[in-house]
Structure formats: structure tokens, C-alpha cells
């Protein structure tokens, strides 16, 4: 789980520049999809007793695309 969480966060960070350059609706859709994956990962970690701090997800949220979000 930890490896997946780290890979997911890295993937999100690398995608931020792409999101800002693409169609706004597509960017919002991708952000929502990543947010859902982060939510599910947090829920499953808690369900299985894996501390979110161990995954680096305690306060983690998918970054916003721009102030209008």
C-alpha cells in the first residue's frame, strides 16, 4: 500500500502541468478521478488498520487545478 500511495502521489504531481494545459472539463474530470482513488485508498487503509501517516496520506488531498475549483 505504501508503494502504491507514493506512486499515486508522484503521478498526480507529474500530471498537474498537463491538467493546466488541457480543456478545463477534462482536467476537472481527471482531478475527480484521482481524488476518488485517494479517498478509496485512505478508506481501505483505515479498514485494514494501516495508519495513514505510514502512507503519507494523513492530510493529503489532490491539488486544485486553479482557484475557481
PDB file of N, CA and C in Angstrom:
ATOM      1  N   UNK A   1       0.820  -1.200   0.000  1.00  0.00           N
ATOM      2  CA  UNK A   1       0.000   0.000   0.000  1.00  0.00           C
ATOM      3  C   UNK A   1       0.862   1.262   0.000  1.00  0.00           C
ATOM      4  N   UNK A   2       1.922   1.209   0.773  1.00  0.00           N
ATOM      5  CA  UNK A   2       2.786   2.395   0.861  1.00  0.00           C
ATOM      6  C   UNK A   2       3.390   2.735  -0.501  1.00  0.00           C
ATOM      7  N   UNK A   3       3.864   1.727  -1.193  1.00  0.00           N
ATOM      8  CA  UNK A   3       4.450   1.941  -2.517  1.00  0.00           C
ATOM      9  C   UNK A   3       3.411   2.504  -3.482  1.00  0.00           C
ATOM     10  N   UNK A   4       2.206   1.970  -3.424  1.00  0.00           N
ATOM     11  CA  UNK A   4       1.133   2.464  -4.288  1.00  0.00           C
ATOM     12  C   UNK A   4       0.817   3.917  -3.965  1.00  0.00           C
ATOM     13  N   UNK A   5       0.733   4.258  -2.675  1.00  0.00           N
ATOM     14  CA  UNK A   5       0.429   5.633  -2.268  1.00  0.00           C
ATOM     15  C   UNK A   5       1.505   6.592  -2.775  1.00  0.00           C
ATOM     16  N   UNK A   6       2.767   6.203  -2.650  1.00  0.00           N
ATOM     17  CA  UNK A   6       3.858   7.057  -3.115  1.00  0.00           C
ATOM     18  C   UNK A   6       3.818   7.224  -4.630  1.00  0.00           C
ATOM     19  N   UNK A   7       3.560   6.140  -5.338  1.00  0.00           N
ATOM     20  CA  UNK A   7       3.477   6.200  -6.802  1.00  0.00           C
ATOM     21  C   UNK A   7       2.304   7.061  -7.233  1.00  0.00           C
ATOM     22  N   UNK A   8       1.180   6.921  -6.559  1.00  0.00           N
ATOM     23  CA  UNK A   8      -0.009   7.713  -6.880  1.00  0.00           C
ATOM     24  C   UNK A   8       0.257   9.201  -6.675  1.00  0.00           C
ATOM     25  N   UNK A   9       0.860   9.568  -5.556  1.00  0.00           N
ATOM     26  CA  UNK A   9       1.158  10.976  -5.296  1.00  0.00           C
ATOM     27  C   UNK A   9       2.124  11.540  -6.341  1.00  0.00           C
ATOM     28  N   UNK A  10       3.114  10.749  -6.735  1.00  0.00           N
ATOM     29  CA  UNK A  10       4.070  11.182  -7.760  1.00  0.00           C
ATOM     30  C   UNK A  10       3.359  11.365  -9.105  1.00  0.00           C
ATOM     31  N   UNK A  11       2.482  10.436  -9.446  1.00  0.00           N
ATOM     32  CA  UNK A  11       1.724  10.512 -10.699  1.00  0.00           C
ATOM     33  C   UNK A  11       0.849  11.767 -10.727  1.00  0.00           C
ATOM     34  N   UNK A  12       0.205  12.066  -9.616  1.00  0.00           N
ATOM     35  CA  UNK A  12      -0.636  13.264  -9.525  1.00  0.00           C
ATOM     36  C   UNK A  12       0.220  14.510  -9.721  1.00  0.00           C
ATOM     37  N   UNK A  13       1.364  14.567  -9.040  1.00  0.00           N
ATOM     38  CA  UNK A  13       2.255  15.730  -9.154  1.00  0.00           C
ATOM     39  C   UNK A  13       2.721  15.928 -10.596  1.00  0.00           C
ATOM     40  N   UNK A  14       3.079  14.843 -11.259  1.00  0.00           N
ATOM     41  CA  UNK A  14       3.548  14.934 -12.644  1.00  0.00           C
ATOM     42  C   UNK A  14       2.433  15.346 -13.600  1.00  0.00           C
ATOM     43  N   UNK A  15       1.205  15.021 -13.262  1.00  0.00           N
ATOM     44  CA  UNK A  15       0.074  15.341 -14.126  1.00  0.00           C
ATOM     45  C   UNK A  15      -0.429  16.774 -13.965  1.00  0.00           C
ATOM     46  N   UNK A  16      -0.056  17.467 -12.905  1.00  0.00           N
ATOM     47  CA  UNK A  16      -0.557  18.824 -12.667  1.00  0.00           C
ATOM     48  C   UNK A  16      -0.311  19.756 -13.846  1.00  0.00           C
ATOM     49  N   UNK A  17       0.869  19.737 -14.400  1.00  0.00           N
ATOM     50  CA  UNK A  17       1.184  20.623 -15.531  1.00  0.00           C
ATOM     51  C   UNK A  17       0.307  20.299 -16.730  1.00  0.00           C
ATOM     52  N   UNK A  18       0.058  19.034 -16.953  1.00  0.00           N
ATOM     53  CA  UNK A  18      -0.793  18.619 -18.070  1.00  0.00           C
ATOM     54  C   UNK A  18      -2.220  19.095 -17.840  1.00  0.00           C
ATOM     55  N   UNK A  19      -2.710  18.982 -16.613  1.00  0.00           N
ATOM     56  CA  UNK A  19      -4.079  19.391 -16.298  1.00  0.00           C
ATOM     57  C   UNK A  19      -4.288  20.866 -16.614  1.00  0.00           C
ATOM     58  N   UNK A  20      -3.289  21.683 -16.294  1.00  0.00           N
ATOM     59  CA  UNK A  20      -3.422  23.122 -16.508  1.00  0.00           C
ATOM     60  C   UNK A  20      -3.436  23.482 -17.986  1.00  0.00           C
ATOM     61  N   UNK A  21      -2.890  22.617 -18.832  1.00  0.00           N
ATOM     62  CA  UNK A  21      -2.821  22.903 -20.267  1.00  0.00           C
ATOM     63  C   UNK A  21      -3.997  22.324 -21.052  1.00  0.00           C
ATOM     64  N   UNK A  22      -4.782  21.455 -20.438  1.00  0.00           N
ATOM     65  CA  UNK A  22      -5.866  20.798 -21.177  1.00  0.00           C
ATOM     66  C   UNK A  22      -7.207  21.494 -20.962  1.00  0.00           C
ATOM     67  N   UNK A  23      -8.182  21.032 -21.677  1.00  0.00           N
ATOM     68  CA  UNK A  23      -9.551  21.507 -21.546  1.00  0.00           C
ATOM     69  C   UNK A  23      -9.957  21.444 -20.072  1.00  0.00           C
ATOM     70  N   UNK A  24     -10.566  22.516 -19.576  1.00  0.00           N
ATOM     71  CA  UNK A  24     -10.924  22.603 -18.155  1.00  0.00           C
ATOM     72  C   UNK A  24     -11.804  21.437 -17.692  1.00  0.00           C
ATOM     73  N   UNK A  25     -12.789  21.066 -18.484  1.00  0.00           N
ATOM     74  CA  UNK A  25     -13.682  19.973 -18.089  1.00  0.00           C
ATOM     75  C   UNK A  25     -12.927  18.652 -17.986  1.00  0.00           C
ATOM     76  N   UNK A  26     -12.018  18.412 -18.915  1.00  0.00           N
ATOM     77  CA  UNK A  26     -11.208  17.191 -18.860  1.00  0.00           C
ATOM     78  C   UNK A  26     -10.308  17.203 -17.626  1.00  0.00           C
ATOM     79  N   UNK A  27      -9.721  18.345 -17.343  1.00  0.00           N
ATOM     80  CA  UNK A  27      -8.838  18.464 -16.184  1.00  0.00           C
ATOM     81  C   UNK A  27      -9.608  18.207 -14.895  1.00  0.00           C
ATOM     82  N   UNK A  28     -10.795  18.765 -14.790  1.00  0.00           N
ATOM     83  CA  UNK A  28     -11.614  18.554 -13.594  1.00  0.00           C
ATOM     84  C   UNK A  28     -11.988  17.079 -13.469  1.00  0.00           C
ATOM     85  N   UNK A  29     -12.311  16.452 -14.579  1.00  0.00           N
ATOM     86  CA  UNK A  29     -12.639  15.029 -14.562  1.00  0.00           C
ATOM     87  C   UNK A  29     -11.477  14.176 -14.085  1.00  0.00           C
ATOM     88  N   UNK A  30     -10.285  14.491 -14.547  1.00  0.00           N
ATOM     89  CA  UNK A  30      -9.099  13.735 -14.111  1.00  0.00           C
ATOM     90  C   UNK A  30      -8.822  13.965 -12.638  1.00  0.00           C
ATOM     91  N   UNK A  31      -8.959  15.211 -12.196  1.00  0.00           N
ATOM     92  CA  UNK A  31      -8.739  15.509 -10.782  1.00  0.00           C
ATOM     93  C   UNK A  31      -9.729  14.737  -9.921  1.00  0.00           C
ATOM     94  N   UNK A  32     -10.987  14.705 -10.349  1.00  0.00           N
ATOM     95  CA  UNK A  32     -12.009  13.975  -9.599  1.00  0.00           C
ATOM     96  C   UNK A  32     -11.676  12.484  -9.539  1.00  0.00           C
ATOM     97  N   UNK A  33     -11.198  11.936 -10.636  1.00  0.00           N
ATOM     98  CA  UNK A  33     -10.840  10.515 -10.664  1.00  0.00           C
ATOM     99  C   UNK A  33      -9.695  10.222  -9.692  1.00  0.00           C
ATOM    100  N   UNK A  34      -8.651  11.060  -9.718  1.00  0.00           N
ATOM    101  CA  UNK A  34      -7.542  10.870  -8.789  1.00  0.00           C
ATOM    102  C   UNK A  34      -8.010  11.053  -7.344  1.00  0.00           C
ATOM    103  N   UNK A  35      -8.881  12.030  -7.100  1.00  0.00           N
ATOM    104  CA  UNK A  35      -9.401  12.254  -5.749  1.00  0.00           C
ATOM    105  C   UNK A  35     -10.150  11.027  -5.250  1.00  0.00           C
ATOM    106  N   UNK A  36     -10.903  10.404  -6.136  1.00  0.00           N
ATOM    107  CA  UNK A  36     -11.648   9.211  -5.757  1.00  0.00           C
ATOM    108  C   UNK A  36     -10.702   8.068  -5.395  1.00  0.00           C
ATOM    109  N   UNK A  37      -9.637   7.905  -6.157  1.00  0.00           N
ATOM    110  CA  UNK A  37      -8.665   6.851  -5.857  1.00  0.00           C
ATOM    111  C   UNK A  37      -8.008   7.109  -4.502  1.00  0.00           C
ATOM    112  N   UNK A  38      -7.652   8.363  -4.217  1.00  0.00           N
ATOM    113  CA  UNK A  38      -7.051   8.700  -2.925  1.00  0.00           C
ATOM    114  C   UNK A  38      -8.043   8.403  -1.802  1.00  0.00           C
ATOM    115  N   UNK A  39      -9.308   8.773  -1.994  1.00  0.00           N
ATOM    116  CA  UNK A  39     -10.341   8.511  -0.992  1.00  0.00           C
ATOM    117  C   UNK A  39     -10.462   7.008  -0.720  1.00  0.00           C
ATOM    118  N   UNK A  40     -10.536   6.215  -1.787  1.00  0.00           N
ATOM    119  CA  UNK A  40     -10.665   4.761  -1.627  1.00  0.00           C
ATOM    120  C   UNK A  40      -9.438   4.162  -0.942  1.00  0.00           C
ATOM    121  N   UNK A  41      -8.262   4.645  -1.293  1.00  0.00           N
ATOM    122  CA  UNK A  41      -7.037   4.157  -0.665  1.00  0.00           C
ATOM    123  C   UNK A  41      -7.042   4.460   0.832  1.00  0.00           C
ATOM    124  N   UNK A  42      -7.425   5.683   1.201  1.00  0.00           N
ATOM    125  CA  UNK A  42      -7.497   6.046   2.618  1.00  0.00           C
ATOM    126  C   UNK A  42      -8.503   5.168   3.352  1.00  0.00           C
ATOM    127  N   UNK A  43      -9.655   4.951   2.751  1.00  0.00           N
ATOM    128  CA  UNK A  43     -10.704   4.147   3.379  1.00  0.00           C
ATOM    129  C   UNK A  43     -10.236   2.704   3.586  1.00  0.00           C
ATOM    130  N   UNK A  44      -9.612   2.126   2.576  1.00  0.00           N
ATOM    131  CA  UNK A  44      -9.132   0.747   2.694  1.00  0.00           C
ATOM    132  C   UNK A  44      -8.001   0.637   3.716  1.00  0.00           C
ATOM    133  N   UNK A  45      -7.136   1.638   3.752  1.00  0.00           N
ATOM    134  CA  UNK A  45      -6.048   1.623   4.734  1.00  0.00           C
ATOM    135  C   UNK A  45      -6.619   1.627   6.147  1.00  0.00           C
ATOM    136  N   UNK A  46      -7.589   2.503   6.391  1.00  0.00           N
ATOM    137  CA  UNK A  46      -8.208   2.567   7.716  1.00  0.00           C
ATOM    138  C   UNK A  46      -8.936   1.260   8.036  1.00  0.00           C
ATOM    139  N   UNK A  47      -9.606   0.708   7.053  1.00  0.00           N
ATOM    140  CA  UNK A  47     -10.356  -0.540   7.222  1.00  0.00           C
ATOM    141  C   UNK A  47      -9.428  -1.692   7.630  1.00  0.00           C
ATOM    142  N   UNK A  48      -8.201  -1.681   7.113  1.00  0.00           N
ATOM    143  CA  UNK A  48      -7.246  -2.748   7.391  1.00  0.00           C
ATOM    144  C   UNK A  48      -6.233  -2.373   8.475  1.00  0.00           C
ATOM    145  N   UNK A  49      -6.483  -1.266   9.152  1.00  0.00           N
ATOM    146  CA  UNK A  49      -5.629  -0.873  10.264  1.00  0.00           C
ATOM    147  C   UNK A  49      -4.271  -0.318   9.878  1.00  0.00           C
ATOM    148  N   UNK A  50      -4.142   0.138   8.652  1.00  0.00           N
ATOM    149  CA  UNK A  50      -2.874   0.734   8.209  1.00  0.00           C
ATOM    150  C   UNK A  50      -2.945   2.237   8.486  1.00  0.00           C
ATOM    151  N   UNK A  51      -2.079   2.750   9.361  1.00  0.00           N
ATOM    152  CA  UNK A  51      -2.117   4.179   9.671  1.00  0.00           C
ATOM    153  C   UNK A  51      -1.846   5.037   8.431  1.00  0.00           C
ATOM    154  N   UNK A  52      -2.664   6.065   8.253  1.00  0.00           N
ATOM    155  CA  UNK A  52      -2.492   6.956   7.105  1.00  0.00           C
ATOM    156  C   UNK A  52      -1.138   7.652   7.135  1.00  0.00           C
ATOM    157  N   UNK A  53      -0.613   7.876   8.328  1.00  0.00           N
ATOM    158  CA  UNK A  53       0.697   8.516   8.439  1.00  0.00           C
ATOM    159  C   UNK A  53       1.770   7.632   7.792  1.00  0.00           C
ATOM    160  N   UNK A  54       1.620   6.323   7.884  1.00  0.00           N
ATOM    161  CA  UNK A  54       2.588   5.410   7.263  1.00  0.00           C
ATOM    162  C   UNK A  54       2.555   5.494   5.744  1.00  0.00           C
ATOM    163  N   UNK A  55       1.410   5.903   5.201  1.00  0.00           N
ATOM    164  CA  UNK A  55       1.257   6.019   3.750  1.00  0.00           C
ATOM    165  C   UNK A  55       1.524   7.433   3.246  1.00  0.00           C
ATOM    166  N   UNK A  56       1.733   8.371   4.172  1.00  0.00           N
ATOM    167  CA  UNK A  56       1.927   9.767   3.777  1.00  0.00           C
ATOM    168  C   UNK A  56       0.641  10.415   3.300  1.00  0.00           C
ATOM    169  N   UNK A  57      -0.494   9.931   3.825  1.00  0.00           N
ATOM    170  CA  UNK A  57      -1.792  10.416   3.348  1.00  0.00           C
ATOM    171  C   UNK A  57      -2.635  11.101   4.418  1.00  0.00           C
ATOM    172  N   UNK A  58      -2.064  11.390   5.576  1.00  0.00           N
ATOM    173  CA  UNK A  58      -2.853  11.960   6.667  1.00  0.00           C
ATOM    174  C   UNK A  58      -3.638  13.184   6.217  1.00  0.00           C
ATOM    175  N   UNK A  59      -2.984  14.179   5.719  1.00  0.00           N
ATOM    176  CA  UNK A  59      -3.654  15.411   5.284  1.00  0.00           C
ATOM    177  C   UNK A  59      -3.587  15.587   3.773  1.00  0.00           C
ATOM    178  N   UNK A  60      -3.266  14.531   3.054  1.00  0.00           N
ATOM    179  CA  UNK A  60      -3.070  14.658   1.611  1.00  0.00           C
ATOM    180  C   UNK A  60      -4.395  14.800   0.872  1.00  0.00           C
ATOM    181  N   UNK A  61      -4.447  15.763  -0.026  1.00  0.00           N
ATOM    182  CA  UNK A  61      -5.563  15.938  -0.949  1.00  0.00           C
ATOM    183  C   UNK A  61      -4.967  16.211  -2.324  1.00  0.00           C
ATOM    184  N   UNK A  62      -5.688  15.817  -3.361  1.00  0.00           N
ATOM    185  CA  UNK A  62      -5.235  16.099  -4.721  1.00  0.00           C
ATOM    186  C   UNK A  62      -5.227  17.617  -4.898  1.00  0.00           C
ATOM    187  N   UNK A  63      -4.111  18.191  -5.351  1.00  0.00           N
ATOM    188  CA  UNK A  63      -4.043  19.645  -5.523  1.00  0.00           C
ATOM    189  C   UNK A  63      -5.127  20.168  -6.463  1.00  0.00           C
ATOM    190  N   UNK A  64      -5.561  21.371  -6.172  1.00  0.00           N
ATOM    191  CA  UNK A  64      -6.561  22.013  -7.029  1.00  0.00           C
ATOM    192  C   UNK A  64      -5.897  22.453  -8.325  1.00  0.00           C
ATOM    193  N   UNK A  65      -6.692  22.550  -9.372  1.00  0.00           N
ATOM    194  CA  UNK A  65      -6.186  22.943 -10.684  1.00  0.00           C
ATOM    195  C   UNK A  65      -5.995  24.452 -10.748  1.00  0.00           C
ATOM    196  N   UNK A  66      -6.978  25.188 -10.255  1.00  0.00           N
ATOM    197  CA  UNK A  66      -6.882  26.646 -10.196  1.00  0.00           C
ATOM    198  C   UNK A  66      -7.852  27.149  -9.136  1.00  0.00           C
ATOM    199  N   UNK A  67      -7.805  28.436  -8.779  1.00  0.00           N
ATOM    200  CA  UNK A  67      -8.642  28.976  -7.708  1.00  0.00           C
ATOM    201  C   UNK A  67     -10.148  28.845  -7.947  1.00  0.00           C
ATOM    202  N   UNK A  68     -10.577  28.600  -9.164  1.00  0.00           N
ATOM    203  CA  UNK A  68     -12.006  28.502  -9.446  1.00  0.00           C
ATOM    204  C   UNK A  68     -12.592  27.160  -9.036  1.00  0.00           C
ATOM    205  N   UNK A  69     -11.770  26.182  -8.657  1.00  0.00           N
ATOM    206  CA  UNK A  69     -12.261  24.849  -8.286  1.00  0.00           C
ATOM    207  C   UNK A  69     -13.006  24.893  -6.975  1.00  0.00           C
TER     208      UNK A  69
END
